[in-house]
Amino acid sequence: MAAEGWFWRWGWGRRCLGRPRLPGPGPGPATLVHILLLLGSVAADITDGNSEHLKREHSLIKPYQGVGSSSMPLWDFQGSTMLTSQYVRLTPDERSKEGSIWNHQPCFLKDWEMHVHFKVHGTGKKNLHGDGIALWYTRDRLVPGPVFGSKDNFHGLAIFLDTYPNDETTERVFPYISVMVNNGSLSYDHSKDGRWTELAGCTADFRNRDHDTFLAVRYSRGRLTVMTDLEDKNEWKNCIDIVGVRLPTGYYFGASAGTGDLSDNHDIISIKLFQLMVEHTPDEENIDWTKIEPGVNFFKSPKACGPAAGEGRTAHQPIVLQRLFGPARKMTTASPSRQPANGRVTPGRPRPPALVMTREGQEILWAQAAVLSIRLTSLAGNCGSKTQRNRRGR
C-alpha cells in the first residue's frame, strides 16, 4: 500500500471539523508505536504531539480555560493583552503598546519541547511595522520592560521574533529570529537588534502570512533547537541549533510583545508544552537543577584552555571570548562599556599579543568573534536540514 494511502487509512489524513487543512487526531497508541519505528530518526527530532506527554498546566489551548481566572489561574496577562475566543492578542496594531501573558506554574521539567502557534499581521508596509514577539523561559514573570514588553537583564532564555531592523547597517534580512541566554548580567541592545548578545539566529518570513505559522523550541540535555513551520508545508525547518546551553528548572514560560512608533497585531493562538522522556545519568539526577545558573558553553576545549579549577563561570559571552582571544585586558579608559570579565591564562599557554586599537574597536572585534564562533557551531549542527512531522496534536 502506498504511504499516502496507508496514512489516510489509519486516520492521519482525517481533518478536524471547523479547522480546515489541519490533520485529525490520528491513530491510537499501538499504531503510534509502529509509525515511530517507521519514521526512525525523524520522530526523534521533533515530538509528534502525543497528548500523553502534553503538560496542560504549562499549555495555553482554546477555549483558554484558566487564563486570568481566579478559579484556575494557569496564565496571567497584563498590559494591552486582550483575550478572545480565537486568540490572545498581546498588542493591537496601535502605537506604543505592550502586553504579555505568563504561565502561573513554574516548570520543573529537565527536558521539554514547546510548540507555539502565532500570528503577526498588520496594515504596515515593508519596514513600516514593529516590533515583534518574545518567548520567555525566565526566573521572573509579569515584569514589564523595554525588551519586547518585558524586563531587561533577565535570568533565563529568550527567543525574539523581531520584525523591524533598528540597525540600518545590518546585513540581516527581517523578520529575524534570535536566541539569547542571560544570567542577569547582559542587556539587550535594541539599537543593534540584540546583535551583541545573540547566540544564533535565522531569517524567517512569518509576518502577514495567509496561513498558520508555528515555532517549536526544544531543550534537552543541554541542546537548544528552534524550528519553524511557516510555509504551510506541514514540516519543520531548522532555524537554530546550539549545544552547551544550561537552563535551570523552576522558571516560567511566557510571551510578550511591544510596539513603538510602528505597530502590528501580535497574536498567540496556542502554546503547547510537551515533556520529553529522556534518561539522565545518576550524577545528572543528583544535581539540584533549580540552582543551575543560565549560561552557554560553546566548545569542549582541552583542559589547558579552560578556566582554572574553582574559577567561576558567569556570563556566557565572556567565556566564549576568553576561549578565542585569552583573558580580557584591563582597559585604562574611564568611560563605561560592556567590559568583558577578567580571566586567567593557564600556565603554558602564551598570552595573546596586545591589541592596539580603540575601546570601541576592541568591543566590536570581540563581539564579531563570538558571533562567528556561534555560526560555525550552528553550521556544524546541520541547521539547513528539514524534518517532516505530523501536526495532529495542534
Protein backbone atom coordinates (compact mmCIF):
# COMPACT_ATOMS: atom_id res chain seq x y z
CA MET A 1 0.00 0.00 0.00
CA ALA A 2 1.30 3.45 -0.86
CA ALA A 3 2.45 5.54 2.11
CA GLU A 4 -0.17 8.20 1.44
CA GLY A 5 -2.98 5.68 1.40
CA TRP A 6 -1.64 3.95 4.50
CA PHE A 7 -1.55 7.19 6.45
CA TRP A 8 -5.06 8.12 5.29
CA ARG A 9 -6.44 4.71 6.29
CA TRP A 10 -5.11 4.97 9.82
CA GLY A 11 -6.51 8.43 10.44
CA TRP A 12 -3.60 10.77 9.72
CA GLY A 13 -5.46 12.20 6.72
CA ARG A 14 -8.67 12.99 8.55
CA ARG A 15 -9.32 16.69 9.03
CA CYS A 16 -10.55 18.47 12.12
CA LEU A 17 -14.06 19.85 11.87
CA GLY A 18 -14.03 23.62 11.79
CA ARG A 19 -10.24 23.69 11.26
CA PRO A 20 -9.62 23.15 7.54
CA ARG A 21 -6.27 21.86 6.30
CA LEU A 22 -5.11 20.57 9.69
CA PRO A 23 -4.72 16.83 10.29
CA GLY A 24 -7.13 14.99 12.54
CA PRO A 25 -6.46 13.26 15.85
CA GLY A 26 -4.66 10.27 14.32
CA PRO A 27 -4.44 6.65 15.41
CA GLY A 28 -4.21 5.05 18.81
CA PRO A 29 -1.10 4.26 20.87
CA ALA A 30 -0.40 0.87 19.25
CA THR A 31 -0.38 2.33 15.75
CA LEU A 32 1.76 5.20 17.00
CA VAL A 33 4.48 2.72 18.02
CA HIS A 34 4.51 1.25 14.51
CA ILE A 35 4.77 4.69 12.96
CA LEU A 36 7.62 5.68 15.29
CA LEU A 37 9.52 2.59 14.17
CA LEU A 38 8.98 3.52 10.54
CA LEU A 39 9.94 7.16 10.96
CA GLY A 40 13.09 6.36 12.92
CA SER A 41 15.30 9.41 13.30
CA VAL A 42 12.57 11.76 12.12
CA ALA A 43 10.45 11.06 15.19
CA ALA A 44 13.48 11.63 17.40
CA ASP A 45 13.98 15.15 16.12
CA ILE A 46 10.58 16.57 16.98
CA THR A 47 7.71 15.33 19.09
CA ASP A 48 4.62 14.14 17.22
CA GLY A 49 2.27 15.92 19.61
CA ASN A 50 1.21 12.79 21.50
CA SER A 51 -1.27 14.04 24.10
CA GLU A 52 0.05 11.73 26.85
CA HIS A 53 3.19 13.89 27.06
CA LEU A 54 1.33 17.20 26.85
CA LYS A 55 1.68 19.18 30.07
CA ARG A 56 -1.62 21.01 30.30
CA GLU A 57 -0.59 23.07 33.31
CA HIS A 58 2.01 24.74 31.08
CA SER A 59 -0.10 24.88 27.89
CA LEU A 60 -2.37 27.57 26.50
CA ILE A 61 -5.11 25.96 24.43
CA LYS A 62 -8.50 27.14 23.23
CA PRO A 63 -11.00 27.81 24.78
CA TYR A 64 -8.30 29.27 27.06
CA GLN A 65 -9.63 27.95 30.34
CA GLY A 66 -7.75 29.26 33.31
CA VAL A 67 -6.48 32.45 31.65
CA GLY A 68 -6.77 35.32 34.09
CA SER A 69 -9.25 33.34 36.19
CA SER A 70 -9.07 33.21 39.97
CA SER A 71 -10.51 29.70 39.98
CA MET A 72 -7.96 28.30 37.50
CA PRO A 73 -5.01 30.68 37.45
CA LEU A 74 -2.86 28.87 34.89
CA TRP A 75 -1.98 32.00 32.91
CA ASP A 76 -1.86 35.68 33.85
CA PHE A 77 -1.73 38.60 31.44
CA GLN A 78 -1.03 42.29 31.69
CA GLY A 79 -0.70 45.48 29.67
CA SER A 80 -2.53 45.69 26.36
CA THR A 81 -3.16 41.91 26.20
CA MET A 82 -6.70 41.09 25.07
CA LEU A 83 -8.31 37.66 25.32
CA THR A 84 -10.75 36.49 22.62
CA SER A 85 -12.27 33.12 21.77
CA GLN A 86 -9.80 32.57 18.90
CA TYR A 87 -6.53 34.15 20.01
CA VAL A 88 -4.69 36.05 22.71
CA ARG A 89 -3.69 39.44 21.32
CA LEU A 90 -0.59 40.76 23.04
CA THR A 91 -0.75 44.11 21.24
CA PRO A 92 -3.20 45.62 18.78
CA ASP A 93 -2.00 47.36 15.62
CA GLU A 94 -1.54 50.60 17.54
CA ARG A 95 1.48 52.62 18.57
CA SER A 96 3.21 52.39 21.97
CA LYS A 97 1.53 49.23 23.27
CA GLU A 98 3.00 46.46 25.44
CA GLY A 99 1.43 43.23 26.56
CA SER A 100 2.38 39.83 27.90
CA ILE A 101 0.99 36.52 29.08
CA TRP A 102 2.73 34.29 31.64
CA ASN A 103 2.27 30.78 32.93
CA HIS A 104 1.38 30.78 36.61
CA GLN A 105 3.13 27.46 37.31
CA PRO A 106 6.93 27.13 37.36
CA CYS A 107 8.22 24.36 35.12
CA PHE A 108 10.34 21.63 36.71
CA LEU A 109 10.88 19.55 33.57
CA LYS A 110 14.52 18.95 32.66
CA ASP A 111 13.70 18.17 29.03
CA TRP A 112 10.84 19.81 27.20
CA GLU A 113 9.52 20.96 23.84
CA MET A 114 7.23 23.92 23.24
CA HIS A 115 5.06 24.45 20.17
CA VAL A 116 3.77 27.98 19.57
CA HIS A 117 1.02 28.81 17.10
CA PHE A 118 1.28 32.56 16.49
CA LYS A 119 0.37 35.27 14.03
CA VAL A 120 1.96 38.66 13.36
CA HIS A 121 -0.01 40.86 11.00
CA GLY A 122 -0.94 44.45 10.34
CA THR A 123 -1.51 47.19 7.79
CA GLY A 124 2.07 48.50 7.73
CA LYS A 125 4.02 48.07 4.52
CA LYS A 126 7.62 46.86 4.20
CA ASN A 127 9.79 48.03 7.14
CA LEU A 128 6.89 50.12 8.47
CA HIS A 129 5.78 47.75 11.21
CA GLY A 130 7.07 46.52 14.54
CA ASP A 131 8.35 45.41 16.84
CA GLY A 132 7.77 41.68 17.32
CA ILE A 133 7.19 38.89 19.84
CA ALA A 134 9.44 37.47 22.56
CA LEU A 135 9.04 33.97 24.02
CA TRP A 136 10.44 33.54 27.51
CA TYR A 137 11.61 30.91 29.98
CA THR A 138 12.76 33.10 32.86
CA ARG A 139 13.06 33.37 36.62
CA ASP A 140 10.81 36.44 36.87
CA ARG A 141 7.34 36.85 35.39
CA LEU A 142 4.89 39.70 34.80
CA VAL A 143 7.62 42.35 34.93
CA PRO A 144 7.09 44.92 32.15
CA GLY A 145 10.13 46.42 30.50
CA PRO A 146 11.80 47.63 27.31
CA VAL A 147 12.58 44.24 25.72
CA PHE A 148 9.52 43.45 23.62
CA GLY A 149 7.33 44.43 26.55
CA SER A 150 9.28 42.60 29.24
CA LYS A 151 12.22 43.27 31.56
CA ASP A 152 15.86 43.64 30.57
CA ASN A 153 18.75 41.89 32.36
CA PHE A 154 16.57 38.81 32.80
CA HIS A 155 17.61 35.38 34.04
CA GLY A 156 16.87 32.57 31.59
CA LEU A 157 16.09 32.08 27.92
CA ALA A 158 14.53 34.42 25.35
CA ILE A 159 13.57 33.79 21.72
CA PHE A 160 12.99 37.03 19.81
CA LEU A 161 10.79 37.16 16.72
CA ASP A 162 11.90 40.58 15.53
CA THR A 163 10.12 42.27 12.63
CA TYR A 164 11.85 45.65 12.45
CA PRO A 165 15.56 46.39 11.76
CA ASN A 166 16.62 49.18 14.10
CA ASP A 167 20.24 48.93 12.92
CA GLU A 168 20.31 50.46 9.45
CA THR A 169 23.76 48.96 8.78
CA THR A 170 22.71 45.38 9.46
CA GLU A 171 23.07 42.68 6.83
CA ARG A 172 20.25 40.66 8.35
CA VAL A 173 17.02 40.12 6.48
CA PHE A 174 13.95 40.72 8.64
CA PRO A 175 11.78 39.28 10.14
CA TYR A 176 14.55 37.62 12.13
CA ILE A 177 14.52 35.04 14.94
CA SER A 178 17.31 35.07 17.51
CA VAL A 179 18.13 33.42 20.84
CA MET A 180 19.61 34.92 23.99
CA VAL A 181 20.56 33.25 27.28
CA ASN A 182 21.15 35.56 30.21
CA ASN A 183 22.19 35.30 33.86
CA GLY A 184 21.12 38.86 34.56
CA SER A 185 24.42 40.45 33.56
CA LEU A 186 23.62 41.16 29.90
CA SER A 187 21.46 43.91 28.46
CA TYR A 188 19.54 43.64 25.20
CA ASP A 189 20.60 46.41 22.82
CA HIS A 190 17.59 47.45 20.73
CA SER A 191 19.64 49.84 18.59
CA LYS A 192 21.64 46.85 17.31
CA ASP A 193 18.69 44.41 17.34
CA GLY A 194 20.39 42.38 20.05
CA ARG A 195 23.42 41.60 17.90
CA TRP A 196 25.89 41.81 20.80
CA THR A 197 24.11 39.16 22.87
CA GLU A 198 22.65 36.93 20.14
CA LEU A 199 23.71 33.28 20.33
CA ALA A 200 22.35 32.34 16.93
CA GLY A 201 19.53 33.32 14.59
CA CYS A 202 17.88 32.94 11.21
CA THR A 203 15.70 34.88 8.80
CA ALA A 204 12.05 33.80 8.98
CA ASP A 205 9.29 35.33 6.89
CA PHE A 206 6.40 34.92 9.32
CA ARG A 207 4.61 38.29 9.03
CA ASN A 208 1.29 38.73 7.18
CA ARG A 209 1.06 35.11 6.06
CA ASP A 210 -2.34 33.91 4.90
CA HIS A 211 -1.85 30.54 6.60
CA ASP A 212 -0.90 29.29 10.05
CA THR A 213 2.61 29.92 11.37
CA PHE A 214 4.30 27.80 14.02
CA LEU A 215 7.52 27.75 16.01
CA ALA A 216 8.99 24.90 18.07
CA VAL A 217 11.55 25.25 20.85
CA ARG A 218 13.20 22.09 22.13
CA TYR A 219 15.56 21.86 25.12
CA SER A 220 17.09 18.52 26.04
CA ARG A 221 20.39 17.62 27.71
CA GLY A 222 21.94 20.99 27.03
CA ARG A 223 20.88 21.20 23.38
CA LEU A 224 18.60 24.03 22.31
CA THR A 225 16.81 23.76 18.97
CA VAL A 226 14.45 26.24 17.36
CA MET A 227 12.42 25.19 14.31
CA THR A 228 9.77 26.90 12.21
CA ASP A 229 6.81 25.89 10.07
CA LEU A 230 5.97 28.99 8.04
CA GLU A 231 5.40 27.70 4.52
CA ASP A 232 2.20 25.67 5.12
CA LYS A 233 4.08 22.51 4.09
CA ASN A 234 3.43 20.60 7.31
CA GLU A 235 7.15 20.28 8.06
CA TRP A 236 9.65 21.78 10.45
CA LYS A 237 12.63 23.72 9.15
CA ASN A 238 15.70 24.11 11.33
CA CYS A 239 16.48 27.66 12.43
CA ILE A 240 18.79 27.41 15.45
CA ASP A 241 20.72 24.50 16.95
CA ILE A 242 23.04 25.16 19.92
CA VAL A 243 24.73 22.75 22.30
CA GLY A 244 26.11 23.52 25.75
CA VAL A 245 23.09 25.50 26.95
CA ARG A 246 22.46 25.45 30.69
CA LEU A 247 18.94 26.21 31.90
CA PRO A 248 17.62 25.60 35.41
CA THR A 249 14.26 24.18 36.34
CA GLY A 250 11.62 26.18 38.21
CA TYR A 251 11.41 29.06 35.71
CA TYR A 252 8.28 30.40 33.99
CA PHE A 253 7.13 30.33 30.38
CA GLY A 254 5.71 33.49 28.88
CA ALA A 255 5.20 35.56 25.74
CA SER A 256 5.29 39.32 25.28
CA ALA A 257 5.19 41.90 22.51
CA GLY A 258 5.64 45.61 22.08
CA THR A 259 5.07 48.37 19.57
CA GLY A 260 6.67 51.81 19.27
CA ASP A 261 6.20 54.38 16.55
CA LEU A 262 5.39 51.42 14.29
CA SER A 263 2.94 48.68 15.16
CA ASP A 264 1.42 45.28 14.38
CA ASN A 265 -1.09 42.83 15.77
CA HIS A 266 0.82 40.22 17.78
CA ASP A 267 -1.34 37.16 18.42
CA ILE A 268 -0.75 33.89 20.28
CA ILE A 269 -3.19 31.17 19.21
CA SER A 270 -1.73 28.35 21.32
CA ILE A 271 1.26 27.32 23.38
CA LYS A 272 1.75 23.60 23.96
CA LEU A 273 4.45 22.20 26.20
CA PHE A 274 5.49 18.57 25.92
CA GLN A 275 7.60 16.56 28.33
CA LEU A 276 10.44 14.70 26.64
CA MET A 277 11.17 11.28 28.08
CA VAL A 278 14.96 11.36 28.35
CA GLU A 279 17.19 9.22 30.54
CA HIS A 280 19.77 11.01 32.67
CA THR A 281 22.84 9.64 34.38
CA PRO A 282 22.80 9.19 38.17
CA ASP A 283 25.13 12.16 38.50
CA GLU A 284 22.73 14.33 36.50
CA GLU A 285 19.79 13.16 38.57
CA ASN A 286 21.58 14.18 41.76
CA ILE A 287 22.08 17.75 40.57
CA ASP A 288 19.83 20.41 42.06
CA TRP A 289 18.54 21.72 38.73
CA THR A 290 16.89 24.71 40.39
CA LYS A 291 20.34 26.05 41.37
CA ILE A 292 21.85 25.97 37.87
CA GLU A 293 22.87 29.36 36.54
CA PRO A 294 21.74 30.12 32.96
CA GLY A 295 24.67 30.09 30.57
CA VAL A 296 26.27 28.58 27.47
CA ASN A 297 29.48 26.67 26.81
CA PHE A 298 30.21 26.53 23.10
CA PHE A 299 33.36 24.45 22.93
CA LYS A 300 34.61 21.34 24.65
CA SER A 301 38.10 22.79 24.86
CA PRO A 302 41.20 20.98 26.17
CA LYS A 303 41.81 21.41 29.88
CA ALA A 304 44.68 23.81 29.18
CA CYS A 305 42.26 26.20 27.53
CA GLY A 306 39.54 26.20 30.18
CA PRO A 307 39.32 28.22 33.38
CA ALA A 308 41.32 27.02 36.34
CA ALA A 309 39.74 24.86 38.99
CA GLY A 310 37.46 26.81 41.28
CA GLU A 311 37.16 29.68 38.85
CA GLY A 312 33.57 30.80 38.44
CA ARG A 313 31.70 30.92 35.13
CA THR A 314 29.20 33.72 34.97
CA ALA A 315 28.04 35.41 31.76
CA HIS A 316 28.41 33.13 28.74
CA GLN A 317 29.74 35.77 26.36
CA PRO A 318 32.99 36.44 28.29
CA ILE A 319 33.61 32.66 28.37
CA VAL A 320 33.41 32.46 24.58
CA LEU A 321 35.62 35.48 24.09
CA GLN A 322 38.20 34.27 26.58
CA ARG A 323 38.47 30.95 24.79
CA LEU A 324 39.00 32.72 21.47
CA PHE A 325 41.38 35.51 22.47
CA GLY A 326 42.51 34.72 26.03
CA PRO A 327 41.51 36.83 29.03
CA ALA A 328 40.32 40.37 28.59
CA ARG A 329 42.87 43.12 29.08
CA LYS A 330 42.33 45.75 31.69
CA MET A 331 41.34 48.94 29.90
CA THR A 332 42.51 52.30 31.13
CA THR A 333 39.75 54.49 29.75
CA ALA A 334 37.15 55.64 32.24
CA SER A 335 34.07 55.58 30.03
CA PRO A 336 31.53 52.84 30.88
CA SER A 337 31.05 49.96 28.45
CA ARG A 338 30.29 46.23 28.25
CA GLN A 339 33.59 45.26 29.86
CA PRO A 340 34.35 41.51 29.39
CA ALA A 341 35.03 39.63 32.62
CA ASN A 342 38.67 39.27 33.61
CA GLY A 343 40.07 35.76 33.37
CA ARG A 344 43.30 33.86 33.84
CA VAL A 345 45.79 32.43 31.40
CA THR A 346 46.54 28.81 32.15
CA PRO A 347 50.29 28.19 32.65
CA GLY A 348 51.94 27.06 29.45
CA ARG A 349 49.51 28.93 27.19
CA PRO A 350 51.09 32.03 25.58
CA ARG A 351 49.40 35.32 26.15
CA PRO A 352 47.78 36.91 23.10
CA PRO A 353 49.50 39.98 21.71
CA ALA A 354 48.21 43.35 22.85
CA LEU A 355 45.55 44.84 20.60
CA VAL A 356 46.39 48.38 19.60
CA MET A 357 43.01 49.86 18.86
CA THR A 358 40.31 51.98 20.43
CA ARG A 359 37.97 50.70 23.11
CA GLU A 360 35.08 50.62 20.64
CA GLY A 361 37.18 48.68 18.18
CA GLN A 362 38.02 46.08 20.81
CA GLU A 363 34.34 45.63 21.70
CA ILE A 364 33.37 45.21 18.06
CA LEU A 365 36.17 42.69 17.44
CA TRP A 366 35.22 40.59 20.45
CA ALA A 367 31.53 40.64 19.62
CA GLN A 368 32.13 39.67 15.98
CA ALA A 369 34.40 36.82 17.06
CA ALA A 370 31.67 35.49 19.34
CA VAL A 371 29.07 35.66 16.58
CA LEU A 372 31.45 33.88 14.18
CA SER A 373 32.06 31.05 16.63
CA ILE A 374 28.32 30.66 17.21
CA ARG A 375 27.59 30.50 13.50
CA LEU A 376 30.28 27.88 12.99
CA THR A 377 28.73 25.84 15.77
CA SER A 378 25.29 26.17 14.16
CA LEU A 379 26.64 25.09 10.77
CA ALA A 380 28.14 22.01 12.37
CA GLY A 381 24.67 21.12 13.64
CA ASN A 382 23.24 20.95 10.10
CA CYS A 383 20.95 23.92 10.59
CA GLY A 384 19.77 23.81 6.98
CA SER A 385 18.11 20.42 7.24
CA LYS A 386 14.38 19.89 7.28
CA THR A 387 12.40 17.44 9.36
CA GLN A 388 8.99 16.15 8.35
CA ARG A 389 6.48 15.68 11.13
CA ASN A 390 2.79 15.41 11.89
CA ARG A 391 0.72 18.24 13.36
CA ARG A 392 -2.09 16.12 14.71
CA GLY A 393 -1.63 17.44 18.23
CA ARG A 394 -2.39 21.07 17.36
